[in-house]
Amino acid sequence: IDSSGGTSYGDSAKGRFTISTDND
């Protein structure tokens, strides 16, 4: 996940895993 909230995933994670952040 980048500083703008954009995400990218490896093939094994696509469709099943989600990355997120809580900046607070």
PDB file of all heavy atoms in Angstrom:
ATOM      1  N   ILE A   1       0.860  -1.174   0.000  1.00  0.00           N
ATOM      2  CA  ILE A   1       0.000   0.000   0.000  1.00  0.00           C
ATOM      3  C   ILE A   1       0.899   1.228   0.000  1.00  0.00           C
ATOM      4  O   ILE A   1       1.891   1.277   0.731  1.00  0.00           O
ATOM      5  CB  ILE A   1      -0.977  -0.006   1.198  1.00  0.00           C
ATOM      6  CG1 ILE A   1      -1.975   1.155   1.087  1.00  0.00           C
ATOM      7  CG2 ILE A   1      -0.249   0.007   2.531  1.00  0.00           C
ATOM      8  CD1 ILE A   1      -3.162   1.015   2.037  1.00  0.00           C
ATOM      9  N   ASP A   2       0.551   2.218  -0.841  1.00  0.00           N
ATOM     10  CA  ASP A   2       1.380   3.414  -0.893  1.00  0.00           C
ATOM     11  C   ASP A   2       0.745   4.530  -0.077  1.00  0.00           C
ATOM     12  O   ASP A   2      -0.327   4.366   0.501  1.00  0.00           O
ATOM     13  CB  ASP A   2       1.639   3.840  -2.342  1.00  0.00           C
ATOM     14  CG  ASP A   2       0.373   4.214  -3.091  1.00  0.00           C
ATOM     15  OD1 ASP A   2      -0.590   4.722  -2.466  1.00  0.00           O
ATOM     16  OD2 ASP A   2       0.337   4.018  -4.327  1.00  0.00           O
ATOM     17  N   SER A   3       1.421   5.668  -0.039  1.00  0.00           N
ATOM     18  CA  SER A   3       0.985   6.762   0.816  1.00  0.00           C
ATOM     19  C   SER A   3      -0.332   7.382   0.372  1.00  0.00           C
ATOM     20  O   SER A   3      -0.972   8.109   1.143  1.00  0.00           O
ATOM     21  CB  SER A   3       2.071   7.837   0.886  1.00  0.00           C
ATOM     22  OG  SER A   3       2.413   8.289  -0.408  1.00  0.00           O
ATOM     23  N   SER A   4      -0.743   7.095  -0.875  1.00  0.00           N
ATOM     24  CA  SER A   4      -2.022   7.588  -1.380  1.00  0.00           C
ATOM     25  C   SER A   4      -3.157   6.598  -1.158  1.00  0.00           C
ATOM     26  O   SER A   4      -4.302   6.865  -1.516  1.00  0.00           O
ATOM     27  CB  SER A   4      -1.915   7.891  -2.882  1.00  0.00           C
ATOM     28  OG  SER A   4      -0.934   8.870  -3.119  1.00  0.00           O
ATOM     29  N   GLY A   5      -2.805   5.440  -0.604  1.00  0.00           N
ATOM     30  CA  GLY A   5      -3.806   4.408  -0.380  1.00  0.00           C
ATOM     31  C   GLY A   5      -3.939   3.414  -1.518  1.00  0.00           C
ATOM     32  O   GLY A   5      -4.769   2.502  -1.463  1.00  0.00           O
ATOM     33  N   GLY A   6      -3.131   3.580  -2.549  1.00  0.00           N
ATOM     34  CA  GLY A   6      -3.149   2.641  -3.643  1.00  0.00           C
ATOM     35  C   GLY A   6      -2.544   1.300  -3.243  1.00  0.00           C
ATOM     36  O   GLY A   6      -1.586   1.262  -2.469  1.00  0.00           O
ATOM     37  N   THR A   7      -3.128   0.227  -3.728  1.00  0.00           N
ATOM     38  CA  THR A   7      -2.665  -1.104  -3.351  1.00  0.00           C
ATOM     39  C   THR A   7      -2.309  -1.936  -4.576  1.00  0.00           C
ATOM     40  O   THR A   7      -2.835  -1.726  -5.670  1.00  0.00           O
ATOM     41  CB  THR A   7      -3.735  -1.861  -2.542  1.00  0.00           C
ATOM     42  OG1 THR A   7      -4.951  -1.901  -3.287  1.00  0.00           O
ATOM     43  CG2 THR A   7      -3.984  -1.201  -1.201  1.00  0.00           C
ATOM     44  N   SER A   8      -1.420  -2.872  -4.368  1.00  0.00           N
ATOM     45  CA  SER A   8      -1.081  -3.856  -5.385  1.00  0.00           C
ATOM     46  C   SER A   8      -0.803  -5.165  -4.669  1.00  0.00           C
ATOM     47  O   SER A   8      -0.354  -5.172  -3.509  1.00  0.00           O
ATOM     48  CB  SER A   8       0.129  -3.417  -6.202  1.00  0.00           C
ATOM     49  OG  SER A   8       1.246  -3.164  -5.366  1.00  0.00           O
ATOM     50  N   TYR A   9      -1.063  -6.269  -5.370  1.00  0.00           N
ATOM     51  CA  TYR A   9      -0.982  -7.581  -4.737  1.00  0.00           C
ATOM     52  C   TYR A   9      -0.272  -8.588  -5.626  1.00  0.00           C
ATOM     53  O   TYR A   9      -0.339  -8.507  -6.861  1.00  0.00           O
ATOM     54  CB  TYR A   9      -2.388  -8.112  -4.447  1.00  0.00           C
ATOM     55  CG  TYR A   9      -3.181  -7.252  -3.504  1.00  0.00           C
ATOM     56  CD1 TYR A   9      -4.043  -6.270  -3.973  1.00  0.00           C
ATOM     57  CD2 TYR A   9      -3.058  -7.415  -2.124  1.00  0.00           C
ATOM     58  CE1 TYR A   9      -4.769  -5.467  -3.108  1.00  0.00           C
ATOM     59  CE2 TYR A   9      -3.779  -6.623  -1.245  1.00  0.00           C
ATOM     60  CZ  TYR A   9      -4.633  -5.653  -1.740  1.00  0.00           C
ATOM     61  OH  TYR A   9      -5.346  -4.851  -0.874  1.00  0.00           O
ATOM     62  N   GLY A  10       0.361  -9.530  -4.972  1.00  0.00           N
ATOM     63  CA  GLY A  10       0.910 -10.657  -5.689  1.00  0.00           C
ATOM     64  C   GLY A  10      -0.196 -11.599  -6.121  1.00  0.00           C
ATOM     65  O   GLY A  10      -1.318 -11.525  -5.614  1.00  0.00           O
ATOM     66  N   ASP A  11       0.133 -12.484  -7.056  1.00  0.00           N
ATOM     67  CA  ASP A  11      -0.895 -13.367  -7.609  1.00  0.00           C
ATOM     68  C   ASP A  11      -1.578 -14.221  -6.538  1.00  0.00           C
ATOM     69  O   ASP A  11      -2.770 -14.489  -6.617  1.00  0.00           O
ATOM     70  CB  ASP A  11      -0.267 -14.274  -8.666  1.00  0.00           C
ATOM     71  CG  ASP A  11       0.094 -13.523  -9.932  1.00  0.00           C
ATOM     72  OD1 ASP A  11      -0.445 -12.411 -10.142  1.00  0.00           O
ATOM     73  OD2 ASP A  11       0.915 -14.033 -10.711  1.00  0.00           O
ATOM     74  N   SER A  12      -0.834 -14.630  -5.538  1.00  0.00           N
ATOM     75  CA  SER A  12      -1.407 -15.504  -4.512  1.00  0.00           C
ATOM     76  C   SER A  12      -2.401 -14.770  -3.622  1.00  0.00           C
ATOM     77  O   SER A  12      -3.223 -15.398  -2.962  1.00  0.00           O
ATOM     78  CB  SER A  12      -0.297 -16.107  -3.654  1.00  0.00           C
ATOM     79  OG  SER A  12       0.409 -15.086  -2.971  1.00  0.00           O
ATOM     80  N   ALA A  13      -2.339 -13.454  -3.603  1.00  0.00           N
ATOM     81  CA  ALA A  13      -3.187 -12.664  -2.714  1.00  0.00           C
ATOM     82  C   ALA A  13      -4.382 -12.031  -3.416  1.00  0.00           C
ATOM     83  O   ALA A  13      -5.368 -11.668  -2.764  1.00  0.00           O
ATOM     84  CB  ALA A  13      -2.365 -11.565  -2.050  1.00  0.00           C
ATOM     85  N   LYS A  14      -4.301 -11.894  -4.719  1.00  0.00           N
ATOM     86  CA  LYS A  14      -5.358 -11.193  -5.455  1.00  0.00           C
ATOM     87  C   LYS A  14      -6.723 -11.840  -5.244  1.00  0.00           C
ATOM     88  O   LYS A  14      -6.868 -13.058  -5.372  1.00  0.00           O
ATOM     89  CB  LYS A  14      -5.019 -11.167  -6.946  1.00  0.00           C
ATOM     90  CG  LYS A  14      -3.909 -10.217  -7.304  1.00  0.00           C
ATOM     91  CD  LYS A  14      -3.596 -10.270  -8.802  1.00  0.00           C
ATOM     92  CE  LYS A  14      -2.454  -9.342  -9.158  1.00  0.00           C
ATOM     93  NZ  LYS A  14      -2.071  -9.444 -10.588  1.00  0.00           N
ATOM     94  N   GLY A  15      -7.701 -11.002  -4.898  1.00  0.00           N
ATOM     95  CA  GLY A  15      -9.066 -11.481  -4.716  1.00  0.00           C
ATOM     96  C   GLY A  15      -9.357 -12.067  -3.350  1.00  0.00           C
ATOM     97  O   GLY A  15     -10.523 -12.303  -3.016  1.00  0.00           O
ATOM     98  N   ARG A  16      -8.307 -12.323  -2.565  1.00  0.00           N
ATOM     99  CA  ARG A  16      -8.525 -12.925  -1.250  1.00  0.00           C
ATOM    100  C   ARG A  16      -8.000 -12.061  -0.098  1.00  0.00           C
ATOM    101  O   ARG A  16      -8.538 -12.097   1.002  1.00  0.00           O
ATOM    102  CB  ARG A  16      -7.841 -14.292  -1.176  1.00  0.00           C
ATOM    103  CG  ARG A  16      -8.357 -15.308  -2.159  1.00  0.00           C
ATOM    104  CD  ARG A  16      -7.784 -16.696  -1.877  1.00  0.00           C
ATOM    105  NE  ARG A  16      -6.331 -16.700  -1.954  1.00  0.00           N
ATOM    106  CZ  ARG A  16      -5.531 -17.192  -1.006  1.00  0.00           C
ATOM    107  NH1 ARG A  16      -6.058 -17.713   0.098  1.00  0.00           N
ATOM    108  NH2 ARG A  16      -4.221 -17.177  -1.174  1.00  0.00           N
ATOM    109  N   PHE A  17      -6.945 -11.317  -0.343  1.00  0.00           N
ATOM    110  CA  PHE A  17      -6.304 -10.517   0.704  1.00  0.00           C
ATOM    111  C   PHE A  17      -6.519  -9.033   0.436  1.00  0.00           C
ATOM    112  O   PHE A  17      -6.579  -8.602  -0.717  1.00  0.00           O
ATOM    113  CB  PHE A  17      -4.809 -10.789   0.752  1.00  0.00           C
ATOM    114  CG  PHE A  17      -4.410 -12.188   1.144  1.00  0.00           C
ATOM    115  CD1 PHE A  17      -5.347 -13.163   1.448  1.00  0.00           C
ATOM    116  CD2 PHE A  17      -3.061 -12.529   1.205  1.00  0.00           C
ATOM    117  CE1 PHE A  17      -4.969 -14.446   1.808  1.00  0.00           C
ATOM    118  CE2 PHE A  17      -2.665 -13.799   1.560  1.00  0.00           C
ATOM    119  CZ  PHE A  17      -3.623 -14.766   1.853  1.00  0.00           C
ATOM    120  N   THR A  18      -6.609  -8.266   1.517  1.00  0.00           N
ATOM    121  CA  THR A  18      -6.762  -6.822   1.414  1.00  0.00           C
ATOM    122  C   THR A  18      -5.827  -6.133   2.402  1.00  0.00           C
ATOM    123  O   THR A  18      -5.828  -6.466   3.592  1.00  0.00           O
ATOM    124  CB  THR A  18      -8.206  -6.392   1.713  1.00  0.00           C
ATOM    125  OG1 THR A  18      -9.101  -7.057   0.821  1.00  0.00           O
ATOM    126  CG2 THR A  18      -8.365  -4.884   1.536  1.00  0.00           C
ATOM    127  N   ILE A  19      -5.061  -5.182   1.884  1.00  0.00           N
ATOM    128  CA  ILE A  19      -4.150  -4.398   2.719  1.00  0.00           C
ATOM    129  C   ILE A  19      -4.776  -3.042   3.003  1.00  0.00           C
ATOM    130  O   ILE A  19      -5.362  -2.417   2.103  1.00  0.00           O
ATOM    131  CB  ILE A  19      -2.794  -4.206   2.019  1.00  0.00           C
ATOM    132  CG1 ILE A  19      -2.074  -5.551   1.894  1.00  0.00           C
ATOM    133  CG2 ILE A  19      -1.917  -3.228   2.788  1.00  0.00           C
ATOM    134  CD1 ILE A  19      -0.767  -5.463   1.136  1.00  0.00           C
ATOM    135  N   SER A  20      -4.638  -2.591   4.240  1.00  0.00           N
ATOM    136  CA  SER A  20      -5.158  -1.277   4.613  1.00  0.00           C
ATOM    137  C   SER A  20      -4.304  -0.698   5.731  1.00  0.00           C
ATOM    138  O   SER A  20      -3.469  -1.403   6.314  1.00  0.00           O
ATOM    139  CB  SER A  20      -6.616  -1.375   5.060  1.00  0.00           C
ATOM    140  OG  SER A  20      -6.729  -2.177   6.218  1.00  0.00           O
ATOM    141  N   THR A  21      -4.501   0.575   5.991  1.00  0.00           N
ATOM    142  CA  THR A  21      -3.797   1.228   7.095  1.00  0.00           C
ATOM    143  C   THR A  21      -4.784   2.044   7.932  1.00  0.00           C
ATOM    144  O   THR A  21      -5.828   2.483   7.434  1.00  0.00           O
ATOM    145  CB  THR A  21      -2.689   2.166   6.607  1.00  0.00           C
ATOM    146  OG1 THR A  21      -3.265   3.133   5.724  1.00  0.00           O
ATOM    147  CG2 THR A  21      -1.580   1.407   5.899  1.00  0.00           C
ATOM    148  N   ASP A  22      -4.430   2.217   9.174  1.00  0.00           N
ATOM    149  CA  ASP A  22      -5.122   3.150  10.058  1.00  0.00           C
ATOM    150  C   ASP A  22      -4.066   4.150  10.515  1.00  0.00           C
ATOM    151  O   ASP A  22      -3.244   3.837  11.372  1.00  0.00           O
ATOM    152  CB  ASP A  22      -5.739   2.416  11.249  1.00  0.00           C
ATOM    153  CG  ASP A  22      -6.567   3.335  12.147  1.00  0.00           C
ATOM    154  OD1 ASP A  22      -6.222   4.534  12.237  1.00  0.00           O
ATOM    155  OD2 ASP A  22      -7.520   2.857  12.752  1.00  0.00           O
ATOM    156  N   ASN A  23      -4.058   5.314   9.895  1.00  0.00           N
ATOM    157  CA  ASN A  23      -3.009   6.284  10.173  1.00  0.00           C
ATOM    158  C   ASN A  23      -3.068   6.809  11.606  1.00  0.00           C
ATOM    159  O   ASN A  23      -2.038   7.147  12.184  1.00  0.00           O
ATOM    160  CB  ASN A  23      -3.093   7.443   9.180  1.00  0.00           C
ATOM    161  CG  ASN A  23      -2.772   7.014   7.770  1.00  0.00           C
ATOM    162  OD1 ASN A  23      -1.986   6.082   7.559  1.00  0.00           O
ATOM    163  ND2 ASN A  23      -3.385   7.653   6.803  1.00  0.00           N
ATOM    164  N   ASP A  24      -4.275   6.866  12.166  1.00  0.00           N
ATOM    165  CA  ASP A  24      -4.399   7.334  13.555  1.00  0.00           C
ATOM    166  C   ASP A  24      -3.742   6.365  14.530  1.00  0.00           C
ATOM    167  O   ASP A  24      -3.232   6.770  15.578  1.00  0.00           O
ATOM    168  CB  ASP A  24      -5.862   7.531  13.924  1.00  0.00           C
ATOM    169  CG  ASP A  24      -6.498   8.698  13.198  1.00  0.00           C
ATOM    170  OD1 ASP A  24      -5.745   9.608  12.782  1.00  0.00           O
ATOM    171  OD2 ASP A  24      -7.727   8.703  13.037  1.00  0.00           O
TER     172      ASP A  24
END
